Amino acid sequence: MHPKGIITCAVLFAAAFAAAAARTAEEKAPLKHRFMAYDEGRAILQYVDERDPAKDWKIPLPHAIRDFQCIGNKKVIVAQGFGYSVYDLETKKLVEDVKPQGVGGVMSARRRADGATVLGANAANGVQAIELDKDNKVTRKATFPGVKTLRMLRLAADGNVLLAEERGLTEAAFDAQDPNGGKVVKSIPLPHDRNAFMALKTDDGGYLVGGGFAKALFDFGPDGKLRRELTLKGQPAAAGPLFFAGFQVLKNGNIVCCNWTGHGPQDSAKGWQLAEFAPDGTLVWHWHNPERAGTLVNIAVLDDLDENAFLDDSSGVLKAVQPK
């Protein structure tokens, strides 16, 4: 072979080897996320950037809540017992407290792209779903007497509401013809234990449910039959699974779950605060920093998302949506 040819082959081989080595290093590099999470143990909305901790921030809240949502224009809503509050993500200050007349016991608040807000609440006569218009006036209210102890409400793309409650998941719909203002579409009990915390409807008509004291995330088919159960079984004792709370499905199909380990400010020392599972159930990442945060109950991974945009998970995957 001509010397120039030998040199060219050597250069190409070296380049290919370097590229392969870089890919291998990238694949082996630990995952790092940028996320917002609600710290129930310390009543703080936390922002964490694992790649650049200098950008971390906190918004202390006056009450322990469970739900939050980025609604665009650098604003975030957080559920409050009286309704919800709006905070400015730039100034980290309270903008508005929304207290609809006749509303109480609110656990969850979700803004729709059309500007309406749907609240999930616990009332003496059952769990309620309450729709507010853009002016925060009650337009629809549905009460479900057979449903108890709502943790979080989510909206499905088909307009139904998903109620994570004591027994499991209740899928419901507003119905003006029903005496209670709504009807139950489907009920899926937890396979074991109690207090489901959050549910999402997947694009194939299935359901994901944070199983609370079941210490698992359950994946049910459209028929309600269990397809997958994601747990921390087999992990080190330090994982400390106790209660699977809020979760998020990432665009690659991975699921990040909150592992709640107690109400106390220091209870996060008892176990991992976050765990990420690949679709096959393999654990690919976890986060445990009890000095930085207490126990987490709700999560929004923002790696490729802008927290200043309107973010919606009614499709099953949290993504930016253009408000109507």
Protein backbone atom coordinates (compact mmCIF):
# COMPACT_ATOMS: atom_id res chain seq x y z
CA MET A 1 0.00 0.00 0.00
CA HIS A 2 1.18 3.51 -0.76
CA PRO A 3 2.51 5.32 2.33
CA LYS A 4 -0.15 8.03 1.96
CA GLY A 5 -2.81 5.33 1.96
CA ILE A 6 -1.39 3.82 5.12
CA ILE A 7 -1.40 7.22 6.80
CA THR A 8 -4.97 7.90 5.68
CA CYS A 9 -6.17 4.53 7.00
CA ALA A 10 -4.38 5.14 10.29
CA VAL A 11 -6.01 8.56 10.67
CA LEU A 12 -9.45 7.17 9.88
CA PHE A 13 -8.96 4.27 12.31
CA ALA A 14 -7.83 6.65 15.05
CA ALA A 15 -10.83 8.90 14.44
CA ALA A 16 -13.22 5.95 14.53
CA PHE A 17 -11.61 4.62 17.71
CA ALA A 18 -11.86 8.04 19.36
CA ALA A 19 -15.51 8.38 18.37
CA ALA A 20 -16.29 4.91 19.73
CA ALA A 21 -14.45 5.69 22.95
CA ALA A 22 -16.40 8.94 23.30
CA ARG A 23 -19.69 7.11 22.79
CA THR A 24 -18.72 4.50 25.37
CA ALA A 25 -17.75 7.21 27.87
CA GLU A 26 -21.04 9.00 27.23
CA GLU A 27 -23.02 5.83 27.72
CA LYS A 28 -21.22 5.11 30.98
CA ALA A 29 -21.50 8.68 32.25
CA PRO A 30 -24.01 8.90 35.08
CA LEU A 31 -27.38 10.45 34.29
CA LYS A 32 -27.88 13.98 35.52
CA HIS A 33 -31.20 15.77 35.53
CA ARG A 34 -32.62 19.24 35.89
CA PHE A 35 -35.92 19.16 37.73
CA MET A 36 -38.52 20.87 39.86
CA ALA A 37 -40.01 18.92 42.75
CA TYR A 38 -42.36 19.55 45.62
CA ASP A 39 -40.64 18.95 48.95
CA GLU A 40 -43.51 17.95 51.25
CA GLY A 41 -41.25 17.43 54.25
CA ARG A 42 -40.08 21.07 54.26
CA ALA A 43 -42.95 22.79 52.34
CA ILE A 44 -40.66 24.00 49.56
CA LEU A 45 -40.84 24.00 45.77
CA GLN A 46 -37.32 22.86 44.86
CA TYR A 47 -35.38 23.45 41.63
CA VAL A 48 -32.32 21.23 41.17
CA ASP A 49 -29.77 21.31 38.35
CA GLU A 50 -27.38 18.40 38.81
CA ARG A 51 -25.05 19.74 36.11
CA ASP A 52 -24.89 23.24 37.55
CA PRO A 53 -25.89 23.35 41.24
CA ALA A 54 -25.19 27.09 41.32
CA LYS A 55 -28.50 27.52 39.48
CA ASP A 56 -30.53 25.73 42.17
CA TRP A 57 -33.31 27.68 43.87
CA LYS A 58 -36.17 27.25 46.35
CA ILE A 59 -39.61 28.75 46.85
CA PRO A 60 -40.83 28.30 50.45
CA LEU A 61 -44.61 27.80 50.60
CA PRO A 62 -46.95 28.63 53.48
CA HIS A 63 -48.71 25.27 53.46
CA ALA A 64 -47.75 21.70 52.68
CA ILE A 65 -49.20 20.91 49.25
CA ARG A 66 -48.87 18.09 46.75
CA ASP A 67 -49.43 19.45 43.26
CA PHE A 68 -47.82 22.06 41.03
CA GLN A 69 -47.79 22.88 37.32
CA CYS A 70 -45.85 25.27 35.11
CA ILE A 71 -48.47 27.32 33.22
CA GLY A 72 -46.33 29.57 31.01
CA ASN A 73 -45.28 33.22 31.25
CA LYS A 74 -42.80 32.28 33.99
CA LYS A 75 -45.62 31.24 36.32
CA VAL A 76 -46.36 28.10 38.33
CA ILE A 77 -49.56 27.15 40.13
CA VAL A 78 -49.53 25.19 43.37
CA ALA A 79 -52.60 23.55 44.89
CA GLN A 80 -53.78 24.96 48.21
CA GLY A 81 -56.62 23.83 50.45
CA PHE A 82 -58.63 26.90 49.46
CA GLY A 83 -57.96 26.55 45.72
CA TYR A 84 -54.55 27.38 44.31
CA SER A 85 -51.76 29.96 44.34
CA VAL A 86 -49.74 31.44 41.50
CA TYR A 87 -46.02 32.12 41.89
CA ASP A 88 -43.61 33.97 39.63
CA LEU A 89 -40.62 31.79 38.71
CA GLU A 90 -38.42 34.81 38.06
CA THR A 91 -39.02 36.71 41.30
CA LYS A 92 -39.94 33.57 43.32
CA LYS A 93 -42.79 35.61 44.81
CA LEU A 94 -46.50 34.98 45.29
CA VAL A 95 -48.59 36.59 42.55
CA GLU A 96 -52.11 35.55 43.48
CA ASP A 97 -54.17 33.36 45.81
CA VAL A 98 -57.25 31.98 44.08
CA LYS A 99 -60.08 31.15 46.52
CA PRO A 100 -63.22 30.13 44.61
CA GLN A 101 -66.44 30.48 46.56
CA GLY A 102 -67.69 27.26 48.12
CA VAL A 103 -64.46 25.37 47.47
CA GLY A 104 -62.29 23.68 50.11
CA GLY A 105 -60.22 20.59 50.80
CA VAL A 106 -58.30 21.02 47.56
CA MET A 107 -55.47 18.56 47.00
CA SER A 108 -54.69 19.00 43.31
CA ALA A 109 -54.90 21.71 40.62
CA ARG A 110 -54.43 21.31 36.86
CA ARG A 111 -54.57 24.08 34.28
CA ARG A 112 -55.87 23.17 30.82
CA ALA A 113 -54.55 24.68 27.61
CA ASP A 114 -57.87 26.53 27.16
CA GLY A 115 -57.26 28.47 30.40
CA ALA A 116 -59.70 26.54 32.58
CA THR A 117 -58.48 24.97 35.83
CA VAL A 118 -59.68 21.69 37.32
CA LEU A 119 -59.35 21.14 41.06
CA GLY A 120 -59.45 17.83 42.92
CA ALA A 121 -60.78 18.03 46.47
CA ASN A 122 -61.80 15.91 49.44
CA ALA A 123 -65.26 16.76 50.78
CA ALA A 124 -67.42 15.30 53.53
CA ASN A 125 -69.61 13.54 50.95
CA GLY A 126 -66.82 12.22 48.72
CA VAL A 127 -64.13 13.28 46.31
CA GLN A 128 -64.87 16.25 44.07
CA ALA A 129 -63.68 17.46 40.66
CA ILE A 130 -64.27 21.20 40.24
CA GLU A 131 -63.85 23.09 36.99
CA LEU A 132 -63.08 26.81 37.02
CA ASP A 133 -63.25 29.11 33.99
CA LYS A 134 -60.57 31.66 33.08
CA ASP A 135 -62.04 34.03 35.66
CA ASN A 136 -61.87 31.32 38.34
CA LYS A 137 -65.64 30.96 38.55
CA VAL A 138 -66.99 27.46 39.20
CA THR A 139 -68.54 26.14 35.98
CA ARG A 140 -68.88 22.43 36.82
CA LYS A 141 -68.64 20.38 39.99
CA ALA A 142 -68.84 16.61 40.25
CA THR A 143 -68.99 14.66 43.50
CA PHE A 144 -68.18 10.96 43.73
CA PRO A 145 -69.61 9.63 47.03
CA GLY A 146 -68.01 6.18 46.76
CA VAL A 147 -64.50 7.58 46.38
CA LYS A 148 -62.36 8.50 49.40
CA THR A 149 -59.03 10.15 50.19
CA LEU A 150 -57.96 11.83 46.97
CA ARG A 151 -54.24 12.45 46.65
CA MET A 152 -53.88 13.88 43.14
CA LEU A 153 -56.09 14.54 40.13
CA ARG A 154 -54.88 14.39 36.55
CA LEU A 155 -56.56 15.19 33.25
CA ALA A 156 -56.71 12.73 30.38
CA ALA A 157 -56.53 13.72 26.70
CA ASP A 158 -60.13 12.51 26.22
CA GLY A 159 -61.42 15.00 28.81
CA ASN A 160 -61.87 12.53 31.65
CA VAL A 161 -60.41 13.10 35.09
CA LEU A 162 -58.15 10.59 36.83
CA LEU A 163 -58.57 10.39 40.60
CA ALA A 164 -55.81 8.65 42.55
CA GLU A 165 -57.56 7.64 45.74
CA GLU A 166 -57.49 5.27 48.69
CA ARG A 167 -58.41 2.09 46.79
CA GLY A 168 -56.62 2.84 43.52
CA LEU A 169 -57.62 4.72 40.37
CA THR A 170 -61.07 6.10 39.58
CA GLU A 171 -61.54 7.46 36.06
CA ALA A 172 -64.48 9.84 35.93
CA ALA A 173 -66.22 12.35 33.68
CA PHE A 174 -68.28 15.48 34.22
CA ASP A 175 -71.94 14.77 33.37
CA ALA A 176 -74.58 17.48 33.72
CA GLN A 177 -77.32 14.84 33.55
CA ASP A 178 -76.03 13.00 36.62
CA PRO A 179 -77.44 14.17 40.00
CA ASN A 180 -73.88 14.36 41.36
CA GLY A 181 -72.55 16.20 38.32
CA GLY A 182 -70.35 13.36 37.16
CA LYS A 183 -70.09 9.64 36.58
CA VAL A 184 -67.46 6.98 37.21
CA VAL A 185 -66.09 5.59 33.95
CA LYS A 186 -63.73 2.97 35.35
CA SER A 187 -62.28 1.82 38.66
CA ILE A 188 -58.97 -0.03 38.95
CA PRO A 189 -58.04 -1.13 42.48
CA LEU A 190 -54.41 -1.41 43.54
CA PRO A 191 -53.18 -5.02 43.43
CA HIS A 192 -52.14 -4.66 47.06
CA ASP A 193 -51.91 -2.08 49.86
CA ARG A 194 -53.58 1.32 49.63
CA ASN A 195 -53.49 5.07 48.95
CA ALA A 196 -52.73 5.53 45.26
CA PHE A 197 -51.11 8.92 44.82
CA MET A 198 -51.16 9.81 41.11
CA ALA A 199 -52.36 8.36 37.80
CA LEU A 200 -51.85 9.05 34.10
CA LYS A 201 -53.60 7.67 31.03
CA THR A 202 -51.18 6.41 28.37
CA ASP A 203 -51.52 6.85 24.63
CA ASP A 204 -52.61 3.23 24.19
CA GLY A 205 -55.49 3.65 26.64
CA GLY A 206 -53.64 2.10 29.57
CA TYR A 207 -53.01 3.59 33.00
CA LEU A 208 -49.97 4.28 35.17
CA VAL A 209 -50.59 4.54 38.91
CA GLY A 210 -48.24 5.60 41.69
CA GLY A 211 -49.18 2.94 44.22
CA GLY A 212 -48.59 4.70 47.52
CA PHE A 213 -47.93 2.21 50.31
CA ALA A 214 -47.68 -0.57 47.72
CA LYS A 215 -44.14 0.80 47.15
CA ALA A 216 -44.59 0.35 43.42
CA LEU A 217 -45.66 2.01 40.19
CA PHE A 218 -48.28 -0.05 38.39
CA ASP A 219 -48.88 -0.20 34.64
CA PHE A 220 -52.39 -1.39 33.74
CA GLY A 221 -53.73 -2.14 30.27
CA PRO A 222 -56.94 -0.56 28.91
CA ASP A 223 -58.79 -3.55 30.34
CA GLY A 224 -57.45 -2.84 33.83
CA LYS A 225 -55.15 -5.87 33.87
CA LEU A 226 -51.70 -5.40 35.37
CA ARG A 227 -48.88 -5.28 32.79
CA ARG A 228 -45.88 -4.09 34.81
CA GLU A 229 -44.93 -3.41 38.41
CA LEU A 230 -41.90 -1.17 38.98
CA THR A 231 -40.33 -1.43 42.43
CA LEU A 232 -37.06 -0.93 44.29
CA LYS A 233 -36.87 -4.58 45.29
CA GLY A 234 -33.32 -5.86 45.11
CA GLN A 235 -31.80 -2.42 45.63
CA PRO A 236 -29.56 -1.53 48.60
CA ALA A 237 -31.26 -1.03 51.96
CA ALA A 238 -30.47 2.68 51.64
CA ALA A 239 -33.14 2.91 48.90
CA GLY A 240 -35.71 2.73 51.71
CA PRO A 241 -38.91 2.34 49.65
CA LEU A 242 -41.96 3.38 51.67
CA PHE A 243 -44.56 5.18 49.55
CA PHE A 244 -44.51 5.74 45.77
CA ALA A 245 -46.01 9.19 45.19
CA GLY A 246 -45.90 11.42 42.09
CA PHE A 247 -44.09 10.41 38.92
CA GLN A 248 -43.28 11.53 35.39
CA VAL A 249 -42.98 9.67 32.11
CA LEU A 250 -40.00 10.94 30.09
CA LYS A 251 -39.94 11.13 26.29
CA ASN A 252 -37.67 8.08 26.10
CA GLY A 253 -40.21 6.01 28.05
CA ASN A 254 -38.34 6.08 31.34
CA ILE A 255 -40.35 6.84 34.46
CA VAL A 256 -39.09 8.96 37.36
CA CYS A 257 -40.87 8.24 40.67
CA CYS A 258 -40.94 10.01 44.01
CA ASN A 259 -40.30 7.81 47.04
CA TRP A 260 -41.91 9.49 50.04
CA THR A 261 -40.40 8.44 53.37
CA GLY A 262 -42.18 10.60 55.94
CA HIS A 263 -43.68 13.99 56.79
CA GLY A 264 -40.75 15.19 58.91
CA PRO A 265 -38.14 17.65 57.58
CA GLN A 266 -35.37 15.08 58.09
CA ASP A 267 -37.28 11.98 56.96
CA SER A 268 -35.62 12.13 53.53
CA ALA A 269 -32.56 10.56 55.17
CA LYS A 270 -34.54 7.31 55.37
CA GLY A 271 -34.48 6.53 51.64
CA TRP A 272 -33.89 7.69 48.08
CA GLN A 273 -36.04 10.66 47.13
CA LEU A 274 -36.25 9.87 43.41
CA ALA A 275 -35.79 6.74 41.30
CA GLU A 276 -35.80 6.37 37.51
CA PHE A 277 -36.79 3.17 35.74
CA ALA A 278 -36.24 2.16 32.12
CA PRO A 279 -39.25 0.60 30.34
CA ASP A 280 -38.01 -2.90 31.23
CA GLY A 281 -37.96 -2.00 34.93
CA THR A 282 -34.19 -1.54 35.21
CA LEU A 283 -33.14 1.16 37.66
CA VAL A 284 -31.05 3.71 35.72
CA TRP A 285 -30.79 6.66 38.14
CA HIS A 286 -31.64 7.72 41.64
CA TRP A 287 -31.32 10.93 43.65
CA HIS A 288 -30.75 11.12 47.38
CA ASN A 289 -29.70 14.39 48.94
CA PRO A 290 -31.32 14.80 52.37
CA GLU A 291 -29.27 17.90 53.08
CA ARG A 292 -30.67 19.60 49.98
CA ALA A 293 -34.30 18.52 50.32
CA GLY A 294 -36.88 16.69 52.38
CA THR A 295 -39.18 13.98 51.05
CA LEU A 296 -40.51 14.67 47.55
CA VAL A 297 -44.05 13.94 46.38
CA ASN A 298 -44.22 15.50 42.91
CA ILE A 299 -41.68 15.83 40.11
CA ALA A 300 -41.18 17.65 36.80
CA VAL A 301 -37.97 16.66 35.01
CA LEU A 302 -37.02 19.62 32.80
CA ASP A 303 -33.99 18.34 30.87
CA ASP A 304 -35.40 19.32 27.46
CA LEU A 305 -38.32 21.39 28.73
CA ASP A 306 -38.61 25.07 29.61
CA GLU A 307 -40.14 25.66 33.02
CA ASN A 308 -41.32 29.05 31.75
CA ALA A 309 -43.57 27.36 29.17
CA PHE A 310 -47.01 25.77 29.60
CA LEU A 311 -46.37 22.14 30.53
CA ASP A 312 -49.09 19.51 30.34
CA ASP A 313 -49.15 15.75 31.04
CA SER A 314 -52.65 14.88 29.79
CA SER A 315 -51.08 12.86 26.95
CA GLY A 316 -49.26 10.73 29.52
CA VAL A 317 -45.92 12.46 28.87
CA LEU A 318 -45.09 15.90 30.25
CA LYS A 319 -44.53 18.26 27.32
CA ALA A 320 -44.84 21.88 26.26
CA VAL A 321 -48.26 22.81 24.88
CA GLN A 322 -49.37 26.03 23.23
CA PRO A 323 -52.13 27.63 25.33
CA LYS A 324 -55.34 28.32 23.40
